[in-house]
Amino acid sequence: MSSGASREIVYQVDAGPCAGALAGALRDAESRGLDVYEGLLSLIAARPLTGTDDRAALLYKRVER
C-alpha cells in the first residue's frame, strides 16, 4: 500500500461516524499492551475496506473481534 493510499484511508476513517468508537477500542487495546499500529495495519491488509462508506465502523468491527 502506498503512503498516499495509507493517508487517504486514515482521512476517511477519521471522518467516519464511528471514528470515536474505533479510537476508544484502539486505546483499550493499547492499554492492554497490544501494538495498535501493527494490529491496525494487519486488519487493513487482511481484507479490503470496500463495501461501506464508514471505514471506521468496518475497522471497529474487526478490532472488536
PDB file of N, CA and C in Angstrom:
ATOM      1  N   MET A   1       0.852  -1.159   0.000  1.00  0.00           N
ATOM      2  CA  MET A   1       0.000   0.000   0.000  1.00  0.00           C
ATOM      3  C   MET A   1       0.905   1.231   0.000  1.00  0.00           C
ATOM      4  N   SER A   2       0.647   2.155  -0.872  1.00  0.00           N
ATOM      5  CA  SER A   2       1.466   3.354  -0.955  1.00  0.00           C
ATOM      6  C   SER A   2       1.144   4.285   0.207  1.00  0.00           C
ATOM      7  N   SER A   3       2.086   5.184   0.496  1.00  0.00           N
ATOM      8  CA  SER A   3       1.835   6.114   1.599  1.00  0.00           C
ATOM      9  C   SER A   3       0.672   7.042   1.280  1.00  0.00           C
ATOM     10  N   GLY A   4       0.486   7.375   0.000  1.00  0.00           N
ATOM     11  CA  GLY A   4      -0.660   8.185  -0.388  1.00  0.00           C
ATOM     12  C   GLY A   4      -1.966   7.475  -0.111  1.00  0.00           C
ATOM     13  N   ALA A   5      -2.021   6.187  -0.452  1.00  0.00           N
ATOM     14  CA  ALA A   5      -3.224   5.390  -0.187  1.00  0.00           C
ATOM     15  C   ALA A   5      -3.441   5.254   1.310  1.00  0.00           C
ATOM     16  N   SER A   6      -2.371   5.072   2.065  1.00  0.00           N
ATOM     17  CA  SER A   6      -2.484   4.951   3.516  1.00  0.00           C
ATOM     18  C   SER A   6      -3.048   6.218   4.124  1.00  0.00           C
ATOM     19  N   ARG A   7      -2.553   7.367   3.677  1.00  0.00           N
ATOM     20  CA  ARG A   7      -3.064   8.637   4.189  1.00  0.00           C
ATOM     21  C   ARG A   7      -4.544   8.812   3.869  1.00  0.00           C
ATOM     22  N   GLU A   8      -4.925   8.427   2.670  1.00  0.00           N
ATOM     23  CA  GLU A   8      -6.327   8.556   2.262  1.00  0.00           C
ATOM     24  C   GLU A   8      -7.220   7.693   3.164  1.00  0.00           C
ATOM     25  N   ILE A   9      -6.792   6.492   3.474  1.00  0.00           N
ATOM     26  CA  ILE A   9      -7.558   5.616   4.369  1.00  0.00           C
ATOM     27  C   ILE A   9      -7.689   6.261   5.748  1.00  0.00           C
ATOM     28  N   VAL A  10      -6.592   6.811   6.252  1.00  0.00           N
ATOM     29  CA  VAL A  10      -6.629   7.456   7.571  1.00  0.00           C
ATOM     30  C   VAL A  10      -7.611   8.618   7.569  1.00  0.00           C
ATOM     31  N   TYR A  11      -7.592   9.441   6.532  1.00  0.00           N
ATOM     32  CA  TYR A  11      -8.523  10.566   6.457  1.00  0.00           C
ATOM     33  C   TYR A  11      -9.965  10.082   6.413  1.00  0.00           C
ATOM     34  N   GLN A  12     -10.233   9.029   5.658  1.00  0.00           N
ATOM     35  CA  GLN A  12     -11.596   8.514   5.553  1.00  0.00           C
ATOM     36  C   GLN A  12     -12.053   7.906   6.870  1.00  0.00           C
ATOM     37  N   VAL A  13     -11.158   7.204   7.548  1.00  0.00           N
ATOM     38  CA  VAL A  13     -11.503   6.600   8.837  1.00  0.00           C
ATOM     39  C   VAL A  13     -11.756   7.693   9.866  1.00  0.00           C
ATOM     40  N   ASP A  14     -10.900   8.700   9.884  1.00  0.00           N
ATOM     41  CA  ASP A  14     -11.014   9.778  10.858  1.00  0.00           C
ATOM     42  C   ASP A  14     -12.302  10.567  10.673  1.00  0.00           C
ATOM     43  N   ALA A  15     -12.806  10.620   9.458  1.00  0.00           N
ATOM     44  CA  ALA A  15     -14.019  11.374   9.170  1.00  0.00           C
ATOM     45  C   ALA A  15     -15.285  10.537   9.341  1.00  0.00           C
ATOM     46  N   GLY A  16     -15.148   9.253   9.570  1.00  0.00           N
ATOM     47  CA  GLY A  16     -16.301   8.368   9.675  1.00  0.00           C
ATOM     48  C   GLY A  16     -17.081   8.565  10.960  1.00  0.00           C
ATOM     49  N   PRO A  17     -18.386   8.293  10.920  1.00  0.00           N
ATOM     50  CA  PRO A  17     -19.234   8.444  12.102  1.00  0.00           C
ATOM     51  C   PRO A  17     -18.793   7.579  13.281  1.00  0.00           C
ATOM     52  N   CYS A  18     -18.130   6.485  13.009  1.00  0.00           N
ATOM     53  CA  CYS A  18     -17.728   5.543  14.063  1.00  0.00           C
ATOM     54  C   CYS A  18     -16.272   5.772  14.513  1.00  0.00           C
ATOM     55  N   ALA A  19     -15.677   6.882  14.110  1.00  0.00           N
ATOM     56  CA  ALA A  19     -14.262   7.145  14.417  1.00  0.00           C
ATOM     57  C   ALA A  19     -14.003   7.182  15.921  1.00  0.00           C
ATOM     58  N   GLY A  20     -14.918   7.756  16.679  1.00  0.00           N
ATOM     59  CA  GLY A  20     -14.736   7.831  18.126  1.00  0.00           C
ATOM     60  C   GLY A  20     -14.729   6.461  18.790  1.00  0.00           C
ATOM     61  N   ALA A  21     -15.642   5.602  18.368  1.00  0.00           N
ATOM     62  CA  ALA A  21     -15.691   4.236  18.920  1.00  0.00           C
ATOM     63  C   ALA A  21     -14.433   3.463  18.555  1.00  0.00           C
ATOM     64  N   LEU A  22     -13.958   3.633  17.320  1.00  0.00           N
ATOM     65  CA  LEU A  22     -12.724   2.964  16.897  1.00  0.00           C
ATOM     66  C   LEU A  22     -11.545   3.460  17.727  1.00  0.00           C
ATOM     67  N   ALA A  23     -11.455   4.768  17.926  1.00  0.00           N
ATOM     68  CA  ALA A  23     -10.352   5.325  18.717  1.00  0.00           C
ATOM     69  C   ALA A  23     -10.380   4.772  20.146  1.00  0.00           C
ATOM     70  N   GLY A  24     -11.560   4.662  20.724  1.00  0.00           N
ATOM     71  CA  GLY A  24     -11.678   4.105  22.064  1.00  0.00           C
ATOM     72  C   GLY A  24     -11.230   2.655  22.127  1.00  0.00           C
ATOM     73  N   ALA A  25     -11.613   1.864  21.133  1.00  0.00           N
ATOM     74  CA  ALA A  25     -11.211   0.453  21.091  1.00  0.00           C
ATOM     75  C   ALA A  25      -9.705   0.327  20.922  1.00  0.00           C
ATOM     76  N   LEU A  26      -9.116   1.210  20.121  1.00  0.00           N
ATOM     77  CA  LEU A  26      -7.667   1.171  19.929  1.00  0.00           C
ATOM     78  C   LEU A  26      -6.936   1.592  21.201  1.00  0.00           C
ATOM     79  N   ARG A  27      -7.455   2.591  21.909  1.00  0.00           N
ATOM     80  CA  ARG A  27      -6.851   2.987  23.190  1.00  0.00           C
ATOM     81  C   ARG A  27      -6.921   1.843  24.202  1.00  0.00           C
ATOM     82  N   ASP A  28      -8.046   1.140  24.224  1.00  0.00           N
ATOM     83  CA  ASP A  28      -8.206   0.000  25.130  1.00  0.00           C
ATOM     84  C   ASP A  28      -7.187  -1.094  24.802  1.00  0.00           C
ATOM     85  N   ALA A  29      -7.039  -1.392  23.516  1.00  0.00           N
ATOM     86  CA  ALA A  29      -6.074  -2.413  23.091  1.00  0.00           C
ATOM     87  C   ALA A  29      -4.655  -2.000  23.481  1.00  0.00           C
ATOM     88  N   GLU A  30      -4.346  -0.725  23.286  1.00  0.00           N
ATOM     89  CA  GLU A  30      -3.013  -0.230  23.624  1.00  0.00           C
ATOM     90  C   GLU A  30      -2.760  -0.311  25.124  1.00  0.00           C
ATOM     91  N   SER A  31      -3.781  -0.030  25.925  1.00  0.00           N
ATOM     92  CA  SER A  31      -3.618  -0.090  27.378  1.00  0.00           C
ATOM     93  C   SER A  31      -3.371  -1.513  27.864  1.00  0.00           C
ATOM     94  N   ARG A  32      -3.777  -2.488  27.049  1.00  0.00           N
ATOM     95  CA  ARG A  32      -3.530  -3.898  27.389  1.00  0.00           C
ATOM     96  C   ARG A  32      -2.215  -4.396  26.813  1.00  0.00           C
ATOM     97  N   GLY A  33      -1.416  -3.466  26.273  1.00  0.00           N
ATOM     98  CA  GLY A  33      -0.075  -3.819  25.807  1.00  0.00           C
ATOM     99  C   GLY A  33       0.013  -4.281  24.363  1.00  0.00           C
ATOM    100  N   LEU A  34      -1.060  -4.154  23.617  1.00  0.00           N
ATOM    101  CA  LEU A  34      -1.035  -4.579  22.225  1.00  0.00           C
ATOM    102  C   LEU A  34      -0.411  -3.500  21.345  1.00  0.00           C
ATOM    103  N   ASP A  35       0.270  -3.920  20.300  1.00  0.00           N
ATOM    104  CA  ASP A  35       0.854  -2.991  19.337  1.00  0.00           C
ATOM    105  C   ASP A  35      -0.248  -2.570  18.372  1.00  0.00           C
ATOM    106  N   VAL A  36      -0.866  -1.458  18.657  1.00  0.00           N
ATOM    107  CA  VAL A  36      -2.027  -0.992  17.908  1.00  0.00           C
ATOM    108  C   VAL A  36      -1.668  -0.691  16.456  1.00  0.00           C
ATOM    109  N   TYR A  37      -0.523  -0.083  16.225  1.00  0.00           N
ATOM    110  CA  TYR A  37      -0.121   0.265  14.867  1.00  0.00           C
ATOM    111  C   TYR A  37      -0.018  -0.981  13.998  1.00  0.00           C
ATOM    112  N   GLU A  38       0.715  -1.971  14.460  1.00  0.00           N
ATOM    113  CA  GLU A  38       0.885  -3.208  13.688  1.00  0.00           C
ATOM    114  C   GLU A  38      -0.442  -3.950  13.548  1.00  0.00           C
ATOM    115  N   GLY A  39      -1.213  -3.960  14.610  1.00  0.00           N
ATOM    116  CA  GLY A  39      -2.514  -4.625  14.554  1.00  0.00           C
ATOM    117  C   GLY A  39      -3.449  -3.986  13.549  1.00  0.00           C
ATOM    118  N   LEU A  40      -3.464  -2.658  13.527  1.00  0.00           N
ATOM    119  CA  LEU A  40      -4.323  -1.943  12.588  1.00  0.00           C
ATOM    120  C   LEU A  40      -3.867  -2.187  11.150  1.00  0.00           C
ATOM    121  N   LEU A  41      -2.559  -2.170  10.932  1.00  0.00           N
ATOM    122  CA  LEU A  41      -2.053  -2.481   9.590  1.00  0.00           C
ATOM    123  C   LEU A  41      -2.475  -3.889   9.155  1.00  0.00           C
ATOM    124  N   SER A  42      -2.431  -4.833  10.067  1.00  0.00           N
ATOM    125  CA  SER A  42      -2.839  -6.209   9.755  1.00  0.00           C
ATOM    126  C   SER A  42      -4.321  -6.278   9.414  1.00  0.00           C
ATOM    127  N   LEU A  43      -5.139  -5.552  10.162  1.00  0.00           N
ATOM    128  CA  LEU A  43      -6.582  -5.544   9.893  1.00  0.00           C
ATOM    129  C   LEU A  43      -6.896  -4.929   8.538  1.00  0.00           C
ATOM    130  N   ILE A  44      -6.147  -3.902   8.178  1.00  0.00           N
ATOM    131  CA  ILE A  44      -6.357  -3.252   6.882  1.00  0.00           C
ATOM    132  C   ILE A  44      -5.901  -4.156   5.752  1.00  0.00           C
ATOM    133  N   ALA A  45      -4.780  -4.832   5.951  1.00  0.00           N
ATOM    134  CA  ALA A  45      -4.226  -5.687   4.902  1.00  0.00           C
ATOM    135  C   ALA A  45      -4.995  -7.001   4.747  1.00  0.00           C
ATOM    136  N   ALA A  46      -5.674  -7.449   5.795  1.00  0.00           N
ATOM    137  CA  ALA A  46      -6.335  -8.756   5.784  1.00  0.00           C
ATOM    138  C   ALA A  46      -7.442  -8.854   4.747  1.00  0.00           C
ATOM    139  N   ARG A  47      -8.243  -7.814   4.678  1.00  0.00           N
ATOM    140  CA  ARG A  47      -9.379  -7.797   3.748  1.00  0.00           C
ATOM    141  C   ARG A  47      -9.576  -6.371   3.258  1.00  0.00           C
ATOM    142  N   PRO A  48     -10.124  -6.230   2.087  1.00  0.00           N
ATOM    143  CA  PRO A  48     -10.349  -4.875   1.549  1.00  0.00           C
ATOM    144  C   PRO A  48     -11.314  -4.072   2.417  1.00  0.00           C
ATOM    145  N   LEU A  49     -11.140  -2.785   2.385  1.00  0.00           N
ATOM    146  CA  LEU A  49     -12.029  -1.882   3.115  1.00  0.00           C
ATOM    147  C   LEU A  49     -13.075  -1.327   2.153  1.00  0.00           C
ATOM    148  N   THR A  50     -13.725  -2.218   1.456  1.00  0.00           N
ATOM    149  CA  THR A  50     -14.715  -1.812   0.460  1.00  0.00           C
ATOM    150  C   THR A  50     -16.108  -2.226   0.920  1.00  0.00           C
ATOM    151  N   GLY A  51     -17.098  -1.700   0.253  1.00  0.00           N
ATOM    152  CA  GLY A  51     -18.473  -2.084   0.547  1.00  0.00           C
ATOM    153  C   GLY A  51     -19.113  -1.275   1.655  1.00  0.00           C
ATOM    154  N   THR A  52     -18.451  -0.194   2.070  1.00  0.00           N
ATOM    155  CA  THR A  52     -19.005   0.649   3.122  1.00  0.00           C
ATOM    156  C   THR A  52     -18.551   2.080   2.927  1.00  0.00           C
ATOM    157  N   ASP A  53     -19.366   2.999   3.369  1.00  0.00           N
ATOM    158  CA  ASP A  53     -18.972   4.404   3.375  1.00  0.00           C
ATOM    159  C   ASP A  53     -18.282   4.772   4.686  1.00  0.00           C
ATOM    160  N   ASP A  54     -18.443   3.923   5.693  1.00  0.00           N
ATOM    161  CA  ASP A  54     -17.878   4.181   7.022  1.00  0.00           C
ATOM    162  C   ASP A  54     -16.774   3.167   7.313  1.00  0.00           C
ATOM    163  N   ARG A  55     -15.579   3.498   6.879  1.00  0.00           N
ATOM    164  CA  ARG A  55     -14.453   2.579   7.093  1.00  0.00           C
ATOM    165  C   ARG A  55     -14.109   2.437   8.567  1.00  0.00           C
ATOM    166  N   ALA A  56     -14.376   3.460   9.349  1.00  0.00           N
ATOM    167  CA  ALA A  56     -14.138   3.367  10.788  1.00  0.00           C
ATOM    168  C   ALA A  56     -15.014   2.281  11.404  1.00  0.00           C
ATOM    169  N   ALA A  57     -16.269   2.191  10.983  1.00  0.00           N
ATOM    170  CA  ALA A  57     -17.171   1.158  11.505  1.00  0.00           C
ATOM    171  C   ALA A  57     -16.677  -0.226  11.117  1.00  0.00           C
ATOM    172  N   LEU A  58     -16.216  -0.363   9.903  1.00  0.00           N
ATOM    173  CA  LEU A  58     -15.702  -1.648   9.442  1.00  0.00           C
ATOM    174  C   LEU A  58     -14.480  -2.068  10.256  1.00  0.00           C
ATOM    175  N   LEU A  59     -13.551  -1.148  10.455  1.00  0.00           N
ATOM    176  CA  LEU A  59     -12.361  -1.461  11.248  1.00  0.00           C
ATOM    177  C   LEU A  59     -12.725  -1.703  12.710  1.00  0.00           C
ATOM    178  N   TYR A  60     -13.686  -0.957  13.227  1.00  0.00           N
ATOM    179  CA  TYR A  60     -14.125  -1.165  14.611  1.00  0.00           C
ATOM    180  C   TYR A  60     -14.623  -2.589  14.808  1.00  0.00           C
ATOM    181  N   LYS A  61     -15.419  -3.077  13.861  1.00  0.00           N
ATOM    182  CA  LYS A  61     -15.912  -4.460  13.940  1.00  0.00           C
ATOM    183  C   LYS A  61     -14.755  -5.452  13.948  1.00  0.00           C
ATOM    184  N   ARG A  62     -13.732  -5.176  13.143  1.00  0.00           N
ATOM    185  CA  ARG A  62     -12.568  -6.066  13.092  1.00  0.00           C
ATOM    186  C   ARG A  62     -11.765  -6.002  14.394  1.00  0.00           C
ATOM    187  N   VAL A  63     -11.636  -4.826  14.959  1.00  0.00           N
ATOM    188  CA  VAL A  63     -10.900  -4.671  16.213  1.00  0.00           C
ATOM    189  C   VAL A  63     -11.612  -5.400  17.342  1.00  0.00           C
ATOM    190  N   GLU A  64     -12.928  -5.304  17.372  1.00  0.00           N
ATOM    191  CA  GLU A  64     -13.698  -5.933  18.438  1.00  0.00           C
ATOM    192  C   GLU A  64     -13.674  -7.452  18.392  1.00  0.00           C
ATOM    193  N   ARG A  65     -13.345  -8.010  17.255  1.00  0.00           N
ATOM    194  CA  ARG A  65     -13.248  -9.480  17.160  1.00  0.00           C
ATOM    195  C   ARG A  65     -11.992  -9.895  17.802  1.00  0.00           C
TER     196      ARG A  65
END
